[in-house]
């Protein structure tokens, strides 16, 4: 299947009709073993329960669609523990054929805009240190490195560090971020 230009693909909140395709998309990205904390997809029943729970909590979950096929997603899960409800954790993935066309940026913009409207004050994520393209994208949205977990992941590429990045609503750039031009700085 050939990929449509990402700039023309619609971004929308997930709907029940997207469930199967969303699960396939997550599984495809997971099996690459390079970007997500998981290395395989989930059974359809588990995907449905997870999405329903996130929708019930009002968590942003947007998908990019090529026709009816989910080709990418961005979600922000609100923290549930007492004292942490002001923040959430961002997860994002895009099928390989649709990368490097601005789709990740559009998905993040949709999810972060909704998160801000829903009162999220802090959004954080974990990213593997070798994933410089993702780190650069996150930086354009005002994410900064807050910590590093050394030798956190050991898969096919060998040991990799993971970075904790976060952005705070008060320090976040406008809805249309521009590249910062500087690599993220780690705390000293």
N, C-alpha and C. Protein backbone atom coordinates (compact mmCIF):
# COMPACT_ATOMS: atom_id res chain seq x y z
N UNK A 1 0.85 -1.18 0.00
CA UNK A 1 0.00 0.00 0.00
C UNK A 1 0.89 1.23 0.00
N UNK A 2 0.65 2.16 -0.90
CA UNK A 2 1.47 3.37 -0.94
C UNK A 2 0.91 4.40 0.02
N UNK A 3 1.82 5.14 0.61
CA UNK A 3 1.44 6.13 1.61
C UNK A 3 1.01 7.42 0.93
N UNK A 4 -0.11 7.97 1.39
CA UNK A 4 -0.54 9.30 0.93
C UNK A 4 0.36 10.34 1.58
N UNK A 5 0.50 11.51 0.98
CA UNK A 5 1.30 12.56 1.63
C UNK A 5 0.74 12.87 3.01
N UNK A 6 1.62 12.84 4.02
CA UNK A 6 1.19 13.01 5.41
C UNK A 6 0.52 14.36 5.65
N UNK A 7 0.91 15.38 4.89
CA UNK A 7 0.34 16.71 5.12
C UNK A 7 -1.14 16.78 4.78
N UNK A 8 -1.63 15.78 4.02
CA UNK A 8 -3.04 15.79 3.64
C UNK A 8 -3.88 14.82 4.47
N UNK A 9 -3.25 14.02 5.31
CA UNK A 9 -3.98 13.03 6.08
C UNK A 9 -4.70 13.70 7.25
N UNK A 10 -5.95 13.30 7.50
CA UNK A 10 -6.67 13.88 8.63
C UNK A 10 -6.14 13.35 9.96
N UNK A 11 -6.15 14.24 10.96
CA UNK A 11 -5.84 13.90 12.35
C UNK A 11 -7.16 14.05 13.10
N UNK A 12 -7.54 13.04 13.88
CA UNK A 12 -8.83 13.08 14.57
C UNK A 12 -8.74 12.34 15.89
N UNK A 13 -9.62 12.68 16.84
CA UNK A 13 -9.70 11.88 18.06
C UNK A 13 -10.10 10.45 17.68
N UNK A 14 -9.57 9.49 18.41
CA UNK A 14 -9.87 8.09 18.10
C UNK A 14 -11.35 7.81 18.31
N UNK A 15 -11.88 6.94 17.46
CA UNK A 15 -13.27 6.48 17.57
C UNK A 15 -13.26 4.96 17.65
N UNK A 16 -14.35 4.40 18.08
CA UNK A 16 -14.44 2.95 18.22
C UNK A 16 -14.15 2.24 16.90
N UNK A 17 -14.54 2.82 15.79
CA UNK A 17 -14.32 2.18 14.49
C UNK A 17 -12.83 2.08 14.13
N UNK A 18 -11.97 2.82 14.83
CA UNK A 18 -10.53 2.79 14.56
C UNK A 18 -9.79 1.72 15.36
N UNK A 19 -10.48 1.06 16.26
CA UNK A 19 -9.84 0.19 17.25
C UNK A 19 -8.91 -0.85 16.63
N UNK A 20 -9.42 -1.63 15.69
CA UNK A 20 -8.61 -2.71 15.11
C UNK A 20 -7.37 -2.15 14.40
N UNK A 21 -7.58 -1.13 13.60
CA UNK A 21 -6.47 -0.54 12.86
C UNK A 21 -5.46 0.13 13.80
N UNK A 22 -5.96 0.74 14.87
CA UNK A 22 -5.07 1.34 15.87
C UNK A 22 -4.20 0.26 16.50
N UNK A 23 -4.80 -0.86 16.88
CA UNK A 23 -4.03 -1.97 17.45
C UNK A 23 -2.97 -2.48 16.48
N UNK A 24 -3.33 -2.57 15.19
CA UNK A 24 -2.36 -3.00 14.17
C UNK A 24 -1.20 -2.00 14.07
N UNK A 25 -1.52 -0.71 14.13
CA UNK A 25 -0.50 0.33 14.02
C UNK A 25 0.47 0.25 15.20
N UNK A 26 -0.07 0.15 16.40
CA UNK A 26 0.78 0.05 17.60
C UNK A 26 1.66 -1.19 17.49
N UNK A 27 1.09 -2.31 17.08
CA UNK A 27 1.86 -3.54 16.94
C UNK A 27 2.98 -3.41 15.92
N UNK A 28 2.68 -2.77 14.79
CA UNK A 28 3.70 -2.60 13.75
C UNK A 28 4.88 -1.79 14.26
N UNK A 29 4.61 -0.68 14.92
CA UNK A 29 5.69 0.16 15.45
C UNK A 29 6.43 -0.59 16.57
N UNK A 30 5.70 -1.29 17.43
CA UNK A 30 6.33 -2.02 18.53
C UNK A 30 7.30 -3.09 18.01
N UNK A 31 6.91 -3.80 16.96
CA UNK A 31 7.75 -4.88 16.44
C UNK A 31 9.05 -4.39 15.81
N UNK A 32 9.15 -3.09 15.57
CA UNK A 32 10.43 -2.55 15.10
C UNK A 32 11.48 -2.59 16.22
N UNK A 33 11.03 -2.64 17.47
CA UNK A 33 11.91 -2.78 18.63
C UNK A 33 12.88 -1.62 18.79
N UNK A 34 12.49 -0.43 18.31
CA UNK A 34 13.40 0.71 18.36
C UNK A 34 12.80 1.94 19.04
N UNK A 35 11.48 1.99 19.16
CA UNK A 35 10.86 3.25 19.59
C UNK A 35 9.99 3.15 20.83
N UNK A 36 9.33 2.04 21.04
CA UNK A 36 8.37 1.92 22.14
C UNK A 36 8.94 1.06 23.27
N UNK A 37 8.29 1.14 24.41
CA UNK A 37 8.68 0.32 25.55
C UNK A 37 8.23 -1.13 25.37
N UNK A 38 7.30 -1.35 24.46
CA UNK A 38 6.82 -2.70 24.16
C UNK A 38 7.45 -3.18 22.86
N UNK A 39 7.46 -4.49 22.65
CA UNK A 39 8.06 -5.05 21.44
C UNK A 39 7.07 -5.86 20.61
N UNK A 40 5.80 -5.81 20.98
CA UNK A 40 4.75 -6.47 20.20
C UNK A 40 3.43 -5.78 20.51
N UNK A 41 2.44 -6.04 19.70
CA UNK A 41 1.14 -5.44 19.90
C UNK A 41 0.38 -6.12 21.02
N UNK A 42 -0.87 -5.70 21.21
CA UNK A 42 -1.73 -6.24 22.24
C UNK A 42 -2.92 -6.94 21.58
N UNK A 43 -3.53 -7.89 22.27
CA UNK A 43 -4.74 -8.51 21.74
C UNK A 43 -5.84 -7.45 21.57
N UNK A 44 -6.73 -7.63 20.59
CA UNK A 44 -7.77 -6.63 20.33
C UNK A 44 -8.60 -6.27 21.56
N UNK A 45 -8.90 -7.26 22.40
CA UNK A 45 -9.71 -6.97 23.59
C UNK A 45 -8.98 -6.02 24.52
N UNK A 46 -7.67 -6.20 24.66
CA UNK A 46 -6.88 -5.33 25.53
C UNK A 46 -6.80 -3.92 24.96
N UNK A 47 -6.66 -3.80 23.66
CA UNK A 47 -6.64 -2.48 23.01
C UNK A 47 -7.96 -1.77 23.26
N UNK A 48 -9.06 -2.48 23.10
CA UNK A 48 -10.38 -1.87 23.30
C UNK A 48 -10.57 -1.39 24.73
N UNK A 49 -10.17 -2.19 25.70
CA UNK A 49 -10.29 -1.80 27.11
C UNK A 49 -9.42 -0.59 27.40
N UNK A 50 -8.19 -0.60 26.90
CA UNK A 50 -7.25 0.50 27.14
C UNK A 50 -7.78 1.80 26.54
N UNK A 51 -8.24 1.75 25.30
CA UNK A 51 -8.76 2.95 24.65
C UNK A 51 -10.02 3.44 25.37
N UNK A 52 -10.91 2.54 25.73
CA UNK A 52 -12.14 2.93 26.42
C UNK A 52 -11.81 3.61 27.75
N UNK A 53 -10.85 3.07 28.48
CA UNK A 53 -10.46 3.66 29.77
C UNK A 53 -9.89 5.06 29.56
N UNK A 54 -9.06 5.23 28.56
CA UNK A 54 -8.47 6.54 28.31
C UNK A 54 -9.52 7.54 27.84
N UNK A 55 -10.45 7.10 27.01
CA UNK A 55 -11.53 8.00 26.58
C UNK A 55 -12.38 8.41 27.78
N UNK A 56 -12.68 7.46 28.67
CA UNK A 56 -13.50 7.76 29.84
C UNK A 56 -12.82 8.77 30.76
N UNK A 57 -11.51 8.74 30.82
CA UNK A 57 -10.76 9.68 31.66
C UNK A 57 -10.52 11.01 30.96
N UNK A 58 -10.92 11.15 29.69
CA UNK A 58 -10.72 12.40 28.97
C UNK A 58 -9.29 12.62 28.52
N UNK A 59 -8.55 11.54 28.35
CA UNK A 59 -7.17 11.66 27.90
C UNK A 59 -7.12 11.88 26.38
N UNK A 60 -6.32 12.83 25.93
CA UNK A 60 -6.18 13.03 24.49
C UNK A 60 -5.61 11.78 23.80
N UNK A 61 -6.24 11.35 22.74
CA UNK A 61 -5.75 10.25 21.92
C UNK A 61 -6.18 10.53 20.49
N UNK A 62 -5.22 10.97 19.69
CA UNK A 62 -5.50 11.33 18.30
C UNK A 62 -4.82 10.35 17.37
N UNK A 63 -5.47 10.10 16.24
CA UNK A 63 -4.92 9.20 15.24
C UNK A 63 -4.83 9.93 13.90
N UNK A 64 -3.88 9.50 13.09
CA UNK A 64 -3.76 9.95 11.71
C UNK A 64 -4.34 8.85 10.84
N UNK A 65 -5.15 9.24 9.88
CA UNK A 65 -5.88 8.26 9.07
C UNK A 65 -5.53 8.39 7.59
N UNK A 66 -5.25 7.25 6.98
CA UNK A 66 -5.11 7.16 5.53
C UNK A 66 -6.31 6.32 5.09
N UNK A 67 -7.38 7.01 4.71
CA UNK A 67 -8.66 6.34 4.51
C UNK A 67 -9.18 5.96 5.88
N UNK A 68 -9.42 4.67 6.09
CA UNK A 68 -9.85 4.19 7.41
C UNK A 68 -8.69 3.57 8.19
N UNK A 69 -7.51 3.56 7.60
CA UNK A 69 -6.34 2.92 8.22
C UNK A 69 -5.62 3.90 9.15
N UNK A 70 -5.43 3.50 10.40
CA UNK A 70 -4.66 4.32 11.35
C UNK A 70 -3.18 4.15 11.00
N UNK A 71 -2.51 5.29 10.75
CA UNK A 71 -1.10 5.25 10.38
C UNK A 71 -0.21 5.92 11.41
N UNK A 72 -0.81 6.48 12.44
CA UNK A 72 -0.05 7.09 13.52
C UNK A 72 -0.97 7.49 14.65
N UNK A 73 -0.40 7.72 15.82
CA UNK A 73 -1.19 8.14 16.97
C UNK A 73 -0.33 8.98 17.91
N UNK A 74 -1.01 9.75 18.73
CA UNK A 74 -0.37 10.46 19.84
C UNK A 74 -1.39 10.51 20.97
N UNK A 75 -0.95 10.10 22.13
CA UNK A 75 -1.82 10.04 23.30
C UNK A 75 -1.12 10.69 24.47
N UNK A 76 -1.90 11.20 25.38
CA UNK A 76 -1.38 11.72 26.64
C UNK A 76 -2.25 11.15 27.74
N UNK A 77 -1.66 10.30 28.57
CA UNK A 77 -2.38 9.64 29.66
C UNK A 77 -2.17 10.42 30.96
N UNK A 78 -3.27 10.92 31.50
CA UNK A 78 -3.18 11.66 32.76
C UNK A 78 -2.70 10.74 33.87
N UNK A 79 -1.81 11.25 34.69
CA UNK A 79 -1.34 10.50 35.86
C UNK A 79 -2.51 10.26 36.80
N UNK A 80 -2.59 9.10 37.42
CA UNK A 80 -3.70 8.74 38.28
C UNK A 80 -3.37 8.84 39.76
N UNK A 81 -2.09 8.84 40.11
CA UNK A 81 -1.72 8.86 41.52
C UNK A 81 -2.02 10.21 42.16
N UNK A 82 -2.42 10.22 43.42
CA UNK A 82 -2.70 11.48 44.11
C UNK A 82 -1.50 12.42 44.07
N UNK A 83 -1.78 13.68 43.79
CA UNK A 83 -0.73 14.68 43.71
C UNK A 83 -0.05 14.77 42.35
N UNK A 84 -0.41 13.89 41.45
CA UNK A 84 0.21 13.88 40.11
C UNK A 84 -0.80 14.10 38.99
N UNK A 85 -2.05 14.37 39.34
CA UNK A 85 -3.11 14.48 38.34
C UNK A 85 -2.93 15.67 37.40
N UNK A 86 -2.04 16.59 37.72
CA UNK A 86 -1.80 17.75 36.87
C UNK A 86 -0.93 17.39 35.66
N UNK A 87 -0.39 16.18 35.65
CA UNK A 87 0.52 15.79 34.57
C UNK A 87 0.06 14.57 33.82
N UNK A 88 0.75 14.32 32.71
CA UNK A 88 0.44 13.16 31.90
C UNK A 88 1.69 12.65 31.19
N UNK A 89 1.57 11.47 30.60
CA UNK A 89 2.67 10.84 29.89
C UNK A 89 2.29 10.73 28.41
N UNK A 90 3.16 11.20 27.55
CA UNK A 90 2.91 11.21 26.11
C UNK A 90 3.46 9.94 25.47
N UNK A 91 2.68 9.37 24.56
CA UNK A 91 3.11 8.26 23.74
C UNK A 91 2.77 8.58 22.29
N UNK A 92 3.66 8.22 21.39
CA UNK A 92 3.45 8.55 19.97
C UNK A 92 4.09 7.47 19.11
N UNK A 93 3.50 7.23 17.96
CA UNK A 93 4.09 6.32 16.99
C UNK A 93 3.51 6.58 15.61
N UNK A 94 4.32 6.35 14.60
CA UNK A 94 3.92 6.54 13.21
C UNK A 94 4.46 5.36 12.41
N UNK A 95 3.64 4.78 11.57
CA UNK A 95 4.10 3.69 10.70
C UNK A 95 5.28 4.17 9.86
N UNK A 96 6.22 3.27 9.61
CA UNK A 96 7.47 3.62 8.93
C UNK A 96 7.26 4.36 7.60
N UNK A 97 6.30 3.93 6.80
CA UNK A 97 6.09 4.54 5.48
C UNK A 97 5.59 5.98 5.56
N UNK A 98 5.18 6.43 6.72
CA UNK A 98 4.59 7.76 6.87
C UNK A 98 5.47 8.72 7.66
N UNK A 99 6.68 8.29 7.99
CA UNK A 99 7.57 9.12 8.80
C UNK A 99 8.27 10.19 7.97
N UNK A 100 8.78 11.18 8.68
CA UNK A 100 9.59 12.28 8.10
C UNK A 100 8.79 13.13 7.10
N UNK A 101 7.48 13.24 7.36
CA UNK A 101 6.61 14.06 6.52
C UNK A 101 5.83 15.07 7.35
N UNK A 102 6.16 15.19 8.64
CA UNK A 102 5.47 16.14 9.50
C UNK A 102 4.26 15.57 10.22
N UNK A 103 4.00 14.29 10.06
CA UNK A 103 2.82 13.69 10.68
C UNK A 103 2.96 13.63 12.20
N UNK A 104 4.13 13.28 12.70
CA UNK A 104 4.35 13.26 14.15
C UNK A 104 4.13 14.63 14.76
N UNK A 105 4.60 15.66 14.09
CA UNK A 105 4.41 17.04 14.56
C UNK A 105 2.92 17.39 14.63
N UNK A 106 2.17 17.02 13.60
CA UNK A 106 0.73 17.31 13.57
C UNK A 106 -0.02 16.54 14.65
N UNK A 107 0.36 15.28 14.86
CA UNK A 107 -0.26 14.48 15.91
C UNK A 107 0.03 15.08 17.29
N UNK A 108 1.28 15.45 17.53
CA UNK A 108 1.63 16.04 18.82
C UNK A 108 0.90 17.35 19.05
N UNK A 109 0.81 18.16 18.02
CA UNK A 109 0.11 19.44 18.16
C UNK A 109 -1.35 19.22 18.57
N UNK A 110 -2.01 18.26 17.94
CA UNK A 110 -3.41 17.97 18.28
C UNK A 110 -3.53 17.49 19.72
N UNK A 111 -2.69 16.55 20.13
CA UNK A 111 -2.78 16.00 21.48
C UNK A 111 -2.39 17.03 22.54
N UNK A 112 -1.34 17.80 22.30
CA UNK A 112 -0.91 18.80 23.28
C UNK A 112 -1.91 19.94 23.39
N UNK A 113 -2.53 20.32 22.29
CA UNK A 113 -3.55 21.37 22.32
C UNK A 113 -4.74 20.91 23.17
N UNK A 114 -5.17 19.66 22.97
CA UNK A 114 -6.27 19.14 23.77
C UNK A 114 -5.86 19.00 25.24
N UNK A 115 -4.64 18.54 25.48
CA UNK A 115 -4.17 18.40 26.86
C UNK A 115 -4.18 19.74 27.59
N UNK A 116 -3.74 20.77 26.91
CA UNK A 116 -3.75 22.10 27.52
C UNK A 116 -5.19 22.53 27.82
N UNK A 117 -6.10 22.29 26.90
CA UNK A 117 -7.50 22.66 27.12
C UNK A 117 -8.11 21.86 28.28
N UNK A 118 -7.59 20.67 28.53
CA UNK A 118 -8.10 19.82 29.62
C UNK A 118 -7.36 20.03 30.93
N UNK A 119 -6.45 21.02 30.96
CA UNK A 119 -5.80 21.38 32.21
C UNK A 119 -4.52 20.64 32.56
N UNK A 120 -3.95 19.90 31.63
CA UNK A 120 -2.66 19.27 31.89
C UNK A 120 -1.63 20.38 32.05
N UNK A 121 -0.87 20.35 33.12
CA UNK A 121 0.14 21.38 33.35
C UNK A 121 1.55 20.87 33.07
N UNK A 122 1.72 19.56 33.07
CA UNK A 122 3.02 18.94 32.82
C UNK A 122 2.78 17.73 31.93
N UNK A 123 3.61 17.58 30.91
CA UNK A 123 3.55 16.38 30.06
C UNK A 123 4.98 15.87 29.97
N UNK A 124 5.15 14.59 30.20
CA UNK A 124 6.48 14.00 30.12
C UNK A 124 6.48 12.80 29.19
N UNK A 125 7.68 12.36 28.83
CA UNK A 125 7.85 11.19 27.98
C UNK A 125 9.23 10.61 28.21
N UNK A 126 9.37 9.36 27.82
CA UNK A 126 10.67 8.70 27.79
C UNK A 126 11.04 8.45 26.34
N UNK A 127 12.29 8.70 26.00
CA UNK A 127 12.76 8.48 24.63
C UNK A 127 14.16 7.88 24.69
N UNK A 128 14.43 6.93 23.83
CA UNK A 128 15.76 6.34 23.78
C UNK A 128 16.74 7.36 23.22
N UNK A 129 17.90 7.44 23.82
CA UNK A 129 18.89 8.46 23.47
C UNK A 129 19.30 8.43 21.99
N UNK A 130 19.41 7.27 21.33
CA UNK A 130 19.78 7.29 19.91
C UNK A 130 18.70 7.85 18.97
N UNK A 131 17.49 8.06 19.45
CA UNK A 131 16.39 8.52 18.61
C UNK A 131 16.44 10.05 18.49
N UNK A 132 17.46 10.54 17.81
CA UNK A 132 17.71 11.98 17.73
C UNK A 132 16.61 12.72 16.98
N UNK A 133 15.97 12.08 16.01
CA UNK A 133 14.88 12.75 15.28
C UNK A 133 13.72 13.05 16.23
N UNK A 134 13.36 12.08 17.06
CA UNK A 134 12.27 12.30 18.02
C UNK A 134 12.67 13.35 19.05
N UNK A 135 13.89 13.29 19.54
CA UNK A 135 14.35 14.27 20.53
C UNK A 135 14.27 15.68 19.96
N UNK A 136 14.67 15.84 18.70
CA UNK A 136 14.59 17.16 18.06
C UNK A 136 13.14 17.62 17.95
N UNK A 137 12.23 16.71 17.58
CA UNK A 137 10.81 17.05 17.50
C UNK A 137 10.29 17.49 18.86
N UNK A 138 10.57 16.72 19.89
CA UNK A 138 10.08 17.05 21.22
C UNK A 138 10.60 18.42 21.68
N UNK A 139 11.84 18.70 21.36
CA UNK A 139 12.44 19.99 21.74
C UNK A 139 11.69 21.16 21.11
N UNK A 140 11.23 20.99 19.87
CA UNK A 140 10.51 22.09 19.22
C UNK A 140 9.19 22.39 19.92
N UNK A 141 8.68 21.43 20.70
CA UNK A 141 7.45 21.64 21.44
C UNK A 141 7.71 22.09 22.88
N UNK A 142 8.95 22.40 23.20
CA UNK A 142 9.27 22.90 24.53
C UNK A 142 9.64 21.83 25.54
N UNK A 143 9.82 20.59 25.11
CA UNK A 143 10.27 19.55 26.03
C UNK A 143 11.75 19.74 26.31
N UNK A 144 12.14 19.53 27.55
CA UNK A 144 13.55 19.60 27.94
C UNK A 144 13.92 18.30 28.65
N UNK A 145 15.20 17.96 28.58
CA UNK A 145 15.70 16.77 29.24
C UNK A 145 15.74 17.03 30.75
N UNK A 146 15.10 16.14 31.50
CA UNK A 146 15.10 16.25 32.95
C UNK A 146 15.92 15.14 33.61
N UNK A 147 16.23 14.11 32.86
CA UNK A 147 17.00 13.02 33.45
C UNK A 147 17.39 11.99 32.41
N UNK A 148 18.28 11.10 32.82
CA UNK A 148 18.79 10.04 31.95
C UNK A 148 18.85 8.75 32.75
N UNK A 149 18.31 7.70 32.16
CA UNK A 149 18.44 6.36 32.73
C UNK A 149 19.50 5.64 31.91
N UNK A 150 20.64 5.44 32.49
CA UNK A 150 21.76 4.82 31.77
C UNK A 150 21.53 3.32 31.62
N UNK A 151 21.86 2.80 30.42
CA UNK A 151 21.75 1.36 30.14
C UNK A 151 20.35 0.85 30.46
N UNK A 152 19.34 1.64 30.11
CA UNK A 152 17.96 1.32 30.47
C UNK A 152 17.34 0.26 29.57
N UNK A 153 17.78 0.19 28.31
CA UNK A 153 17.18 -0.72 27.34
C UNK A 153 18.29 -1.57 26.73
N UNK A 154 18.05 -2.87 26.67
CA UNK A 154 18.99 -3.79 26.00
C UNK A 154 18.20 -4.66 25.05
N UNK A 155 18.19 -4.25 23.80
CA UNK A 155 17.54 -5.03 22.76
C UNK A 155 18.56 -5.26 21.64
N UNK A 156 18.12 -5.24 20.42
CA UNK A 156 18.95 -5.60 19.27
C UNK A 156 20.14 -4.68 19.07
N UNK A 157 20.01 -3.38 19.35
CA UNK A 157 21.08 -2.42 19.12
C UNK A 157 22.06 -2.37 20.29
N UNK A 158 21.87 -3.21 21.29
CA UNK A 158 22.74 -3.18 22.46
C UNK A 158 22.22 -2.20 23.49
N UNK A 159 23.02 -1.90 24.50
CA UNK A 159 22.56 -1.02 25.58
C UNK A 159 22.28 0.40 25.07
N UNK A 160 21.15 0.92 25.54
CA UNK A 160 20.76 2.29 25.19
C UNK A 160 20.31 3.02 26.45
N UNK A 161 20.67 4.29 26.52
CA UNK A 161 20.14 5.14 27.57
C UNK A 161 18.75 5.62 27.17
N UNK A 162 17.98 6.00 28.17
CA UNK A 162 16.67 6.59 27.95
C UNK A 162 16.66 7.97 28.60
N UNK A 163 16.07 8.93 27.91
CA UNK A 163 15.96 10.28 28.44
C UNK A 163 14.53 10.53 28.91
N UNK A 164 14.40 11.17 30.05
CA UNK A 164 13.11 11.69 30.51
C UNK A 164 13.07 13.13 30.05
N UNK A 165 12.05 13.45 29.26
CA UNK A 165 11.84 14.81 28.79
C UNK A 165 10.47 15.26 29.27
N UNK A 166 10.34 16.55 29.57
CA UNK A 166 9.06 17.07 30.03
C UNK A 166 8.90 18.50 29.57
N UNK A 167 7.65 18.92 29.53
CA UNK A 167 7.34 20.32 29.27
C UNK A 167 6.26 20.73 30.26
N UNK A 168 6.34 21.97 30.66
CA UNK A 168 5.38 22.54 31.60
C UNK A 168 4.54 23.55 30.84
N UNK A 169 3.25 23.59 31.12
CA UNK A 169 2.33 24.47 30.40
C UNK A 169 2.80 25.91 30.41
N UNK A 170 3.34 26.38 31.53
CA UNK A 170 3.77 27.78 31.63
C UNK A 170 4.96 28.08 30.72
N UNK A 171 5.77 27.06 30.43
CA UNK A 171 6.96 27.27 29.62
C UNK A 171 6.82 26.77 28.19
N UNK A 172 5.65 26.21 27.85
CA UNK A 172 5.45 25.61 26.53
C UNK A 172 5.33 26.68 25.46
N UNK A 173 5.87 26.41 24.26
CA UNK A 173 5.75 27.36 23.16
C UNK A 173 4.31 27.45 22.65
N UNK A 174 4.07 28.39 21.80
CA UNK A 174 2.75 28.58 21.20
C UNK A 174 2.34 27.33 20.42
N UNK A 175 1.11 27.32 19.96
CA UNK A 175 0.56 26.15 19.27
C UNK A 175 1.30 25.81 17.98
N UNK A 176 2.06 26.72 17.44
CA UNK A 176 2.82 26.45 16.22
C UNK A 176 4.30 26.59 16.53
N UNK A 177 4.92 25.49 17.06
CA UNK A 177 6.31 25.56 17.47
C UNK A 177 7.25 25.76 16.30
N UNK A 178 8.35 26.39 16.57
CA UNK A 178 9.42 26.53 15.58
C UNK A 178 10.65 25.85 16.13
N UNK A 179 11.50 25.31 15.28
CA UNK A 179 12.68 24.61 15.76
C UNK A 179 13.53 25.52 16.64
N UNK A 180 14.01 24.94 17.74
CA UNK A 180 14.80 25.71 18.69
C UNK A 180 16.20 25.99 18.17
N UNK A 181 16.74 25.10 17.33
CA UNK A 181 18.06 25.33 16.78
C UNK A 181 19.19 24.91 17.69
N UNK A 182 18.87 24.47 18.88
CA UNK A 182 19.90 24.03 19.83
C UNK A 182 19.51 22.66 20.37
N UNK A 183 20.49 21.78 20.57
CA UNK A 183 20.15 20.48 21.15
C UNK A 183 19.70 20.64 22.58
N UNK A 184 18.87 19.69 23.06
CA UNK A 184 18.40 19.80 24.45
C UNK A 184 19.56 19.67 25.42
N UNK A 185 19.50 20.39 26.51
CA UNK A 185 20.53 20.34 27.53
C UNK A 185 20.07 19.46 28.68
N UNK A 186 20.99 18.67 29.19
CA UNK A 186 20.70 17.85 30.34
C UNK A 186 20.98 18.65 31.60
N UNK A 187 20.24 18.38 32.68
CA UNK A 187 20.54 19.05 33.93
C UNK A 187 21.91 18.67 34.44
N UNK A 188 22.54 19.58 35.12
CA UNK A 188 23.88 19.30 35.66
C UNK A 188 23.81 18.90 37.10
